[in-house]
């Protein structure tokens, strides 16, 4: 199964930590192999990220594209 991931940097991109796995929904994960994996991320409130993504297969007899969105709640660790 394929997944999306979000990682964070506390030092302006020098290092990346806190890998967050966002598994695809079961019906989206059935579209395999996929041809496209576009995604976008935006902070919509303090500590809340909106992640929007697509997942699609176009080289088969039936083109399928799935669009999904998730909210990721972020808290700063000490």
PDB file of N, CA and C in Angstrom:
ATOM      1  N   UNK A   1       0.841  -1.184   0.000  1.00  0.00           N
ATOM      2  CA  UNK A   1       0.000   0.000   0.000  1.00  0.00           C
ATOM      3  C   UNK A   1       0.884   1.244   0.000  1.00  0.00           C
ATOM      4  N   UNK A   2       0.475   2.226  -0.739  1.00  0.00           N
ATOM      5  CA  UNK A   2       1.188   3.495  -0.819  1.00  0.00           C
ATOM      6  C   UNK A   2       0.698   4.432   0.286  1.00  0.00           C
ATOM      7  N   UNK A   3       1.501   5.398   0.650  1.00  0.00           N
ATOM      8  CA  UNK A   3       1.135   6.379   1.662  1.00  0.00           C
ATOM      9  C   UNK A   3       1.655   7.749   1.278  1.00  0.00           C
ATOM     10  N   UNK A   4       1.132   8.754   1.943  1.00  0.00           N
ATOM     11  CA  UNK A   4       1.687  10.105   1.898  1.00  0.00           C
ATOM     12  C   UNK A   4       2.391  10.362   3.211  1.00  0.00           C
ATOM     13  N   UNK A   5       3.401  11.229   3.195  1.00  0.00           N
ATOM     14  CA  UNK A   5       4.168  11.536   4.397  1.00  0.00           C
ATOM     15  C   UNK A   5       4.323  13.047   4.538  1.00  0.00           C
ATOM     16  N   UNK A   6       4.354  13.512   5.782  1.00  0.00           N
ATOM     17  CA  UNK A   6       4.654  14.900   6.090  1.00  0.00           C
ATOM     18  C   UNK A   6       5.831  14.885   7.050  1.00  0.00           C
ATOM     19  N   UNK A   7       6.851  15.714   6.787  1.00  0.00           N
ATOM     20  CA  UNK A   7       7.990  15.854   7.691  1.00  0.00           C
ATOM     21  C   UNK A   7       8.150  17.323   8.045  1.00  0.00           C
ATOM     22  N   UNK A   8       8.811  17.582   9.158  1.00  0.00           N
ATOM     23  CA  UNK A   8       8.926  18.939   9.664  1.00  0.00           C
ATOM     24  C   UNK A   8      10.382  19.308   9.894  1.00  0.00           C
ATOM     25  N   UNK A   9      10.669  20.597   9.770  1.00  0.00           N
ATOM     26  CA  UNK A   9      12.003  21.118  10.040  1.00  0.00           C
ATOM     27  C   UNK A   9      11.881  22.252  11.052  1.00  0.00           C
ATOM     28  N   UNK A  10      12.717  22.212  12.069  1.00  0.00           N
ATOM     29  CA  UNK A  10      12.744  23.277  13.070  1.00  0.00           C
ATOM     30  C   UNK A  10      13.892  24.257  12.821  1.00  0.00           C
ATOM     31  N   UNK A  11      14.717  23.985  11.815  1.00  0.00           N
ATOM     32  CA  UNK A  11      15.888  24.833  11.561  1.00  0.00           C
ATOM     33  C   UNK A  11      15.937  25.311  10.108  1.00  0.00           C
ATOM     34  N   UNK A  12      14.790  25.680   9.594  1.00  0.00           N
ATOM     35  CA  UNK A  12      14.667  26.233   8.239  1.00  0.00           C
ATOM     36  C   UNK A  12      15.199  25.307   7.148  1.00  0.00           C
ATOM     37  N   UNK A  13      14.954  24.022   7.302  1.00  0.00           N
ATOM     38  CA  UNK A  13      15.290  23.062   6.264  1.00  0.00           C
ATOM     39  C   UNK A  13      16.646  22.403   6.363  1.00  0.00           C
ATOM     40  N   UNK A  14      17.398  22.683   7.402  1.00  0.00           N
ATOM     41  CA  UNK A  14      18.710  22.030   7.556  1.00  0.00           C
ATOM     42  C   UNK A  14      18.543  20.551   7.880  1.00  0.00           C
ATOM     43  N   UNK A  15      17.602  20.225   8.752  1.00  0.00           N
ATOM     44  CA  UNK A  15      17.304  18.834   9.102  1.00  0.00           C
ATOM     45  C   UNK A  15      15.790  18.657   9.106  1.00  0.00           C
ATOM     46  N   UNK A  16      15.370  17.421   8.908  1.00  0.00           N
ATOM     47  CA  UNK A  16      13.948  17.096   8.839  1.00  0.00           C
ATOM     48  C   UNK A  16      13.652  15.968   9.813  1.00  0.00           C
ATOM     49  N   UNK A  17      12.601  16.135  10.619  1.00  0.00           N
ATOM     50  CA  UNK A  17      12.251  15.134  11.630  1.00  0.00           C
ATOM     51  C   UNK A  17      10.732  14.968  11.685  1.00  0.00           C
ATOM     52  N   UNK A  18      10.307  14.186  12.627  1.00  0.00           N
ATOM     53  CA  UNK A  18       8.877  14.004  12.920  1.00  0.00           C
ATOM     54  C   UNK A  18       8.095  13.526  11.701  1.00  0.00           C
ATOM     55  N   UNK A  19       8.537  12.427  11.123  1.00  0.00           N
ATOM     56  CA  UNK A  19       7.851  11.837   9.985  1.00  0.00           C
ATOM     57  C   UNK A  19       6.430  11.445  10.397  1.00  0.00           C
ATOM     58  N   UNK A  20       5.442  11.974   9.682  1.00  0.00           N
ATOM     59  CA  UNK A  20       4.037  11.658   9.938  1.00  0.00           C
ATOM     60  C   UNK A  20       3.503  10.906   8.731  1.00  0.00           C
ATOM     61  N   UNK A  21       3.012   9.696   8.950  1.00  0.00           N
ATOM     62  CA  UNK A  21       2.476   8.865   7.875  1.00  0.00           C
ATOM     63  C   UNK A  21       0.981   9.143   7.742  1.00  0.00           C
ATOM     64  N   UNK A  22       0.548   9.378   6.524  1.00  0.00           N
ATOM     65  CA  UNK A  22      -0.869   9.549   6.241  1.00  0.00           C
ATOM     66  C   UNK A  22      -1.292   8.471   5.249  1.00  0.00           C
ATOM     67  N   UNK A  23      -1.741   7.324   5.733  1.00  0.00           N
ATOM     68  CA  UNK A  23      -2.108   6.250   4.807  1.00  0.00           C
ATOM     69  C   UNK A  23      -3.290   6.651   3.931  1.00  0.00           C
ATOM     70  N   UNK A  24      -3.289   6.145   2.718  1.00  0.00           N
ATOM     71  CA  UNK A  24      -4.405   6.386   1.812  1.00  0.00           C
ATOM     72  C   UNK A  24      -5.630   5.616   2.293  1.00  0.00           C
ATOM     73  N   UNK A  25      -6.793   6.118   1.933  1.00  0.00           N
ATOM     74  CA  UNK A  25      -8.018   5.394   2.208  1.00  0.00           C
ATOM     75  C   UNK A  25      -8.002   4.090   1.411  1.00  0.00           C
ATOM     76  N   UNK A  26      -8.690   3.091   1.892  1.00  0.00           N
ATOM     77  CA  UNK A  26      -8.667   1.768   1.262  1.00  0.00           C
ATOM     78  C   UNK A  26      -9.051   1.827  -0.203  1.00  0.00           C
ATOM     79  N   UNK A  27     -10.104   2.545  -0.558  1.00  0.00           N
ATOM     80  CA  UNK A  27     -10.548   2.572  -1.951  1.00  0.00           C
ATOM     81  C   UNK A  27      -9.561   3.313  -2.842  1.00  0.00           C
ATOM     82  N   UNK A  28      -8.816   4.288  -2.315  1.00  0.00           N
ATOM     83  CA  UNK A  28      -7.793   4.965  -3.116  1.00  0.00           C
ATOM     84  C   UNK A  28      -6.577   4.074  -3.292  1.00  0.00           C
ATOM     85  N   UNK A  29      -6.234   3.315  -2.271  1.00  0.00           N
ATOM     86  CA  UNK A  29      -5.060   2.451  -2.335  1.00  0.00           C
ATOM     87  C   UNK A  29      -5.247   1.311  -3.331  1.00  0.00           C
ATOM     88  N   UNK A  30      -6.488   1.001  -3.704  1.00  0.00           N
ATOM     89  CA  UNK A  30      -6.735  -0.065  -4.674  1.00  0.00           C
ATOM     90  C   UNK A  30      -6.358   0.360  -6.081  1.00  0.00           C
ATOM     91  N   UNK A  31      -6.163   1.659  -6.314  1.00  0.00           N
ATOM     92  CA  UNK A  31      -5.752   2.170  -7.631  1.00  0.00           C
ATOM     93  C   UNK A  31      -4.237   2.032  -7.707  1.00  0.00           C
ATOM     94  N   UNK A  32      -3.753   0.904  -8.173  1.00  0.00           N
ATOM     95  CA  UNK A  32      -2.313   0.664  -8.178  1.00  0.00           C
ATOM     96  C   UNK A  32      -1.945  -0.063  -9.446  1.00  0.00           C
ATOM     97  N   UNK A  33      -0.906   0.272 -10.155  1.00  0.00           N
ATOM     98  CA  UNK A  33       0.019   1.353  -9.840  1.00  0.00           C
ATOM     99  C   UNK A  33      -0.568   2.699 -10.223  1.00  0.00           C
ATOM    100  N   UNK A  34      -0.046   3.732  -9.628  1.00  0.00           N
ATOM    101  CA  UNK A  34      -0.555   5.064  -9.913  1.00  0.00           C
ATOM    102  C   UNK A  34       0.409   5.809 -10.816  1.00  0.00           C
ATOM    103  N   UNK A  35      -0.114   6.807 -11.513  1.00  0.00           N
ATOM    104  CA  UNK A  35       0.696   7.612 -12.416  1.00  0.00           C
ATOM    105  C   UNK A  35       0.931   9.023 -11.899  1.00  0.00           C
ATOM    106  N   UNK A  36       0.188   9.460 -10.925  1.00  0.00           N
ATOM    107  CA  UNK A  36       0.298  10.835 -10.463  1.00  0.00           C
ATOM    108  C   UNK A  36       0.172  10.908  -8.948  1.00  0.00           C
ATOM    109  N   UNK A  37       0.946  11.795  -8.355  1.00  0.00           N
ATOM    110  CA  UNK A  37       0.977  11.945  -6.899  1.00  0.00           C
ATOM    111  C   UNK A  37       1.167  13.421  -6.554  1.00  0.00           C
ATOM    112  N   UNK A  38       0.310  14.282  -7.019  1.00  0.00           N
ATOM    113  CA  UNK A  38       0.443  15.705  -6.704  1.00  0.00           C
ATOM    114  C   UNK A  38      -0.114  15.964  -5.306  1.00  0.00           C
ATOM    115  N   UNK A  39       0.505  16.880  -4.583  1.00  0.00           N
ATOM    116  CA  UNK A  39       0.002  17.206  -3.251  1.00  0.00           C
ATOM    117  C   UNK A  39       0.294  18.666  -2.938  1.00  0.00           C
ATOM    118  N   UNK A  40      -0.437  19.179  -1.961  1.00  0.00           N
ATOM    119  CA  UNK A  40      -0.246  20.545  -1.516  1.00  0.00           C
ATOM    120  C   UNK A  40      -0.539  20.595  -0.026  1.00  0.00           C
ATOM    121  N   UNK A  41       0.133  21.502   0.671  1.00  0.00           N
ATOM    122  CA  UNK A  41      -0.011  21.617   2.119  1.00  0.00           C
ATOM    123  C   UNK A  41      -0.105  23.094   2.468  1.00  0.00           C
ATOM    124  N   UNK A  42      -1.046  23.433   3.370  1.00  0.00           N
ATOM    125  CA  UNK A  42      -1.200  24.824   3.793  1.00  0.00           C
ATOM    126  C   UNK A  42      -1.653  24.872   5.242  1.00  0.00           C
ATOM    127  N   UNK A  43      -1.103  25.810   5.996  1.00  0.00           N
ATOM    128  CA  UNK A  43      -1.562  26.002   7.370  1.00  0.00           C
ATOM    129  C   UNK A  43      -2.869  26.785   7.321  1.00  0.00           C
ATOM    130  N   UNK A  44      -3.956  26.195   7.843  1.00  0.00           N
ATOM    131  CA  UNK A  44      -5.266  26.842   7.785  1.00  0.00           C
ATOM    132  C   UNK A  44      -5.659  27.470   9.122  1.00  0.00           C
ATOM    133  N   UNK A  45      -4.953  27.126  10.171  1.00  0.00           N
ATOM    134  CA  UNK A  45      -5.131  27.708  11.505  1.00  0.00           C
ATOM    135  C   UNK A  45      -3.852  27.391  12.263  1.00  0.00           C
ATOM    136  N   UNK A  46      -3.581  28.100  13.345  1.00  0.00           N
ATOM    137  CA  UNK A  46      -2.368  27.768  14.110  1.00  0.00           C
ATOM    138  C   UNK A  46      -2.357  26.290  14.524  1.00  0.00           C
ATOM    139  N   UNK A  47      -1.329  25.583  14.085  1.00  0.00           N
ATOM    140  CA  UNK A  47      -1.197  24.169  14.425  1.00  0.00           C
ATOM    141  C   UNK A  47      -2.060  23.223  13.618  1.00  0.00           C
ATOM    142  N   UNK A  48      -2.724  23.711  12.567  1.00  0.00           N
ATOM    143  CA  UNK A  48      -3.572  22.852  11.742  1.00  0.00           C
ATOM    144  C   UNK A  48      -3.156  23.007  10.279  1.00  0.00           C
ATOM    145  N   UNK A  49      -2.749  21.895   9.673  1.00  0.00           N
ATOM    146  CA  UNK A  49      -2.355  21.873   8.264  1.00  0.00           C
ATOM    147  C   UNK A  49      -3.433  21.191   7.450  1.00  0.00           C
ATOM    148  N   UNK A  50      -3.714  21.720   6.272  1.00  0.00           N
ATOM    149  CA  UNK A  50      -4.600  21.060   5.327  1.00  0.00           C
ATOM    150  C   UNK A  50      -3.720  20.453   4.243  1.00  0.00           C
ATOM    151  N   UNK A  51      -3.844  19.159   4.047  1.00  0.00           N
ATOM    152  CA  UNK A  51      -3.087  18.445   3.024  1.00  0.00           C
ATOM    153  C   UNK A  51      -4.087  17.951   1.983  1.00  0.00           C
ATOM    154  N   UNK A  52      -3.871  18.340   0.734  1.00  0.00           N
ATOM    155  CA  UNK A  52      -4.728  17.932  -0.377  1.00  0.00           C
ATOM    156  C   UNK A  52      -3.853  17.156  -1.354  1.00  0.00           C
ATOM    157  N   UNK A  53      -4.361  16.057  -1.886  1.00  0.00           N
ATOM    158  CA  UNK A  53      -3.539  15.210  -2.746  1.00  0.00           C
ATOM    159  C   UNK A  53      -4.403  14.517  -3.793  1.00  0.00           C
ATOM    160  N   UNK A  54      -3.749  14.054  -4.841  1.00  0.00           N
ATOM    161  CA  UNK A  54      -4.434  13.219  -5.812  1.00  0.00           C
ATOM    162  C   UNK A  54      -3.675  11.919  -5.971  1.00  0.00           C
ATOM    163  N   UNK A  55      -4.367  10.970  -6.522  1.00  0.00           N
ATOM    164  CA  UNK A  55      -3.816   9.640  -6.740  1.00  0.00           C
ATOM    165  C   UNK A  55      -4.536   9.120  -7.962  1.00  0.00           C
ATOM    166  N   UNK A  56      -3.819   8.757  -9.009  1.00  0.00           N
ATOM    167  CA  UNK A  56      -4.522   8.354 -10.214  1.00  0.00           C
ATOM    168  C   UNK A  56      -3.792   7.344 -11.050  1.00  0.00           C
ATOM    169  N   UNK A  57      -4.542   6.685 -11.897  1.00  0.00           N
ATOM    170  CA  UNK A  57      -4.004   5.718 -12.850  1.00  0.00           C
ATOM    171  C   UNK A  57      -4.613   6.034 -14.207  1.00  0.00           C
ATOM    172  N   UNK A  58      -3.765   6.257 -15.200  1.00  0.00           N
ATOM    173  CA  UNK A  58      -4.257   6.652 -16.504  1.00  0.00           C
ATOM    174  C   UNK A  58      -3.811   5.719 -17.625  1.00  0.00           C
ATOM    175  N   UNK A  59      -2.963   4.752 -17.361  1.00  0.00           N
ATOM    176  CA  UNK A  59      -2.436   3.890 -18.420  1.00  0.00           C
ATOM    177  C   UNK A  59      -3.246   2.607 -18.585  1.00  0.00           C
ATOM    178  N   UNK A  60      -4.354   2.520 -17.887  1.00  0.00           N
ATOM    179  CA  UNK A  60      -5.192   1.336 -18.022  1.00  0.00           C
ATOM    180  C   UNK A  60      -6.406   1.659 -18.893  1.00  0.00           C
ATOM    181  N   UNK A  61      -7.283   0.683 -19.070  1.00  0.00           N
ATOM    182  CA  UNK A  61      -8.488   0.898 -19.860  1.00  0.00           C
ATOM    183  C   UNK A  61      -9.469   1.837 -19.168  1.00  0.00           C
ATOM    184  N   UNK A  62      -9.351   1.999 -17.865  1.00  0.00           N
ATOM    185  CA  UNK A  62     -10.278   2.859 -17.112  1.00  0.00           C
ATOM    186  C   UNK A  62      -9.502   3.898 -16.327  1.00  0.00           C
ATOM    187  N   UNK A  63      -9.499   5.148 -16.823  1.00  0.00           N
ATOM    188  CA  UNK A  63      -8.783   6.195 -16.088  1.00  0.00           C
ATOM    189  C   UNK A  63      -9.490   6.511 -14.769  1.00  0.00           C
ATOM    190  N   UNK A  64      -8.725   6.593 -13.717  1.00  0.00           N
ATOM    191  CA  UNK A  64      -9.260   6.874 -12.387  1.00  0.00           C
ATOM    192  C   UNK A  64      -8.415   7.958 -11.755  1.00  0.00           C
ATOM    193  N   UNK A  65      -9.053   8.916 -11.133  1.00  0.00           N
ATOM    194  CA  UNK A  65      -8.328   9.908 -10.346  1.00  0.00           C
ATOM    195  C   UNK A  65      -9.081  10.082  -9.039  1.00  0.00           C
ATOM    196  N   UNK A  66      -8.342  10.036  -7.962  1.00  0.00           N
ATOM    197  CA  UNK A  66      -8.909  10.189  -6.634  1.00  0.00           C
ATOM    198  C   UNK A  66      -8.340  11.464  -6.022  1.00  0.00           C
ATOM    199  N   UNK A  67      -9.185  12.320  -5.472  1.00  0.00           N
ATOM    200  CA  UNK A  67      -8.750  13.514  -4.768  1.00  0.00           C
ATOM    201  C   UNK A  67      -9.091  13.338  -3.293  1.00  0.00           C
ATOM    202  N   UNK A  68      -8.156  13.673  -2.438  1.00  0.00           N
ATOM    203  CA  UNK A  68      -8.384  13.541  -1.005  1.00  0.00           C
ATOM    204  C   UNK A  68      -7.868  14.759  -0.262  1.00  0.00           C
ATOM    205  N   UNK A  69      -8.335  14.936   0.956  1.00  0.00           N
ATOM    206  CA  UNK A  69      -7.881  16.032   1.802  1.00  0.00           C
ATOM    207  C   UNK A  69      -7.867  15.560   3.244  1.00  0.00           C
ATOM    208  N   UNK A  70      -6.887  16.030   3.982  1.00  0.00           N
ATOM    209  CA  UNK A  70      -6.766  15.686   5.396  1.00  0.00           C
ATOM    210  C   UNK A  70      -6.346  16.905   6.182  1.00  0.00           C
ATOM    211  N   UNK A  71      -6.788  16.962   7.420  1.00  0.00           N
ATOM    212  CA  UNK A  71      -6.249  17.945   8.358  1.00  0.00           C
ATOM    213  C   UNK A  71      -5.223  17.233   9.222  1.00  0.00           C
ATOM    214  N   UNK A  72      -4.077  17.863   9.406  1.00  0.00           N
ATOM    215  CA  UNK A  72      -3.027  17.336  10.279  1.00  0.00           C
ATOM    216  C   UNK A  72      -2.854  18.341  11.414  1.00  0.00           C
ATOM    217  N   UNK A  73      -3.070  17.893  12.639  1.00  0.00           N
ATOM    218  CA  UNK A  73      -2.915  18.764  13.802  1.00  0.00           C
ATOM    219  C   UNK A  73      -1.508  18.613  14.341  1.00  0.00           C
ATOM    220  N   UNK A  74      -0.814  19.742  14.482  1.00  0.00           N
ATOM    221  CA  UNK A  74       0.602  19.753  14.855  1.00  0.00           C
ATOM    222  C   UNK A  74       0.747  20.388  16.219  1.00  0.00           C
ATOM    223  N   UNK A  75       1.506  19.734  17.076  1.00  0.00           N
ATOM    224  CA  UNK A  75       1.868  20.327  18.359  1.00  0.00           C
ATOM    225  C   UNK A  75       3.380  20.300  18.466  1.00  0.00           C
ATOM    226  N   UNK A  76       3.961  21.335  19.011  1.00  0.00           N
ATOM    227  CA  UNK A  76       5.408  21.420  19.151  1.00  0.00           C
ATOM    228  C   UNK A  76       5.861  20.601  20.342  1.00  0.00           C
ATOM    229  N   UNK A  77       6.806  19.729  20.115  1.00  0.00           N
ATOM    230  CA  UNK A  77       7.394  18.948  21.208  1.00  0.00           C
ATOM    231  C   UNK A  77       8.473  19.792  21.882  1.00  0.00           C
ATOM    232  N   UNK A  78       8.655  19.599  23.182  1.00  0.00           N
ATOM    233  CA  UNK A  78       9.696  20.385  23.876  1.00  0.00           C
ATOM    234  C   UNK A  78      11.096  20.063  23.375  1.00  0.00           C
TER     235      UNK A  78
END
